[in-house]
């Protein structure tokens, strides 16, 4: 295996590992709530499916490039 191929393989492997660790960190940072707490939140603030289209902002085009750049 040539040096360039080896470098590319290591680089891709590191990207995959970092992405997995970033996802794991996100999961750790999202707090757990019980079913009872979830029902209380839905009663007070409503369910996301109750939102009208006017209230929803699609941020996919804004967030995805930032995440991809970080990788």
Protein backbone atom coordinates (compact mmCIF):
# COMPACT_ATOMS: atom_id res chain seq x y z
CA UNK A 1 0.00 0.00 0.00
CA UNK A 2 1.38 3.37 -0.96
CA UNK A 3 1.88 6.16 1.54
CA UNK A 4 -0.85 8.34 -0.01
CA UNK A 5 -3.37 5.50 0.16
CA UNK A 6 -2.43 4.81 3.76
CA UNK A 7 -2.80 8.50 4.67
CA UNK A 8 -6.21 8.63 2.97
CA UNK A 9 -7.33 5.50 4.82
CA UNK A 10 -6.18 6.89 8.18
CA UNK A 11 -7.84 10.24 7.47
CA UNK A 12 -11.17 8.60 6.58
CA UNK A 13 -11.00 6.33 9.64
CA UNK A 14 -10.33 9.31 11.92
CA UNK A 15 -13.31 11.15 10.38
CA UNK A 16 -15.58 8.19 11.09
CA UNK A 17 -14.37 7.88 14.68
CA UNK A 18 -14.76 11.61 15.34
CA UNK A 19 -18.26 11.60 13.88
CA UNK A 20 -19.25 8.64 16.07
CA UNK A 21 -17.83 10.35 19.15
CA UNK A 22 -19.61 13.62 18.29
CA UNK A 23 -22.92 11.76 18.03
CA UNK A 24 -22.24 9.98 21.32
CA UNK A 25 -21.53 13.34 22.98
CA UNK A 26 -24.80 14.75 21.64
CA UNK A 27 -26.66 11.78 23.10
CA UNK A 28 -24.99 12.29 26.46
CA UNK A 29 -25.80 16.00 26.54
CA UNK A 30 -29.50 15.55 25.74
CA UNK A 31 -31.22 15.19 29.10
CA UNK A 32 -33.44 12.19 29.80
CA UNK A 33 -37.04 12.90 30.76
CA UNK A 34 -39.63 10.44 31.96
CA UNK A 35 -42.91 9.80 30.16
CA UNK A 36 -44.67 11.77 32.89
CA UNK A 37 -42.40 14.79 32.37
CA UNK A 38 -42.97 14.57 28.61
CA UNK A 39 -46.74 14.61 29.09
CA UNK A 40 -46.44 17.66 31.36
CA UNK A 41 -44.34 19.48 28.76
CA UNK A 42 -46.79 18.61 25.99
CA UNK A 43 -49.70 19.81 28.12
CA UNK A 44 -48.00 23.13 28.84
CA UNK A 45 -46.36 23.86 25.49
CA UNK A 46 -48.26 21.67 23.02
CA UNK A 47 -47.06 18.95 20.70
CA UNK A 48 -44.71 19.84 17.80
CA UNK A 49 -47.21 18.36 15.32
CA UNK A 50 -49.70 21.00 16.54
CA UNK A 51 -47.46 23.78 15.17
CA UNK A 52 -48.53 25.50 12.00
CA UNK A 53 -46.15 25.79 9.08
CA UNK A 54 -45.72 29.50 9.87
CA UNK A 55 -44.11 28.65 13.21
CA UNK A 56 -41.63 26.09 11.82
CA UNK A 57 -38.31 27.18 10.38
CA UNK A 58 -36.39 24.57 8.40
CA UNK A 59 -32.77 25.00 9.46
CA UNK A 60 -31.44 21.92 7.66
CA UNK A 61 -29.62 23.97 5.02
CA UNK A 62 -28.05 26.05 7.78
CA UNK A 63 -27.03 23.28 10.17
CA UNK A 64 -25.82 20.52 7.81
CA UNK A 65 -22.99 22.56 6.19
CA UNK A 66 -21.70 23.53 9.65
CA UNK A 67 -21.67 19.91 10.80
CA UNK A 68 -20.02 18.77 7.58
CA UNK A 69 -17.36 21.49 7.81
CA UNK A 70 -16.55 20.41 11.36
CA UNK A 71 -16.00 16.83 10.23
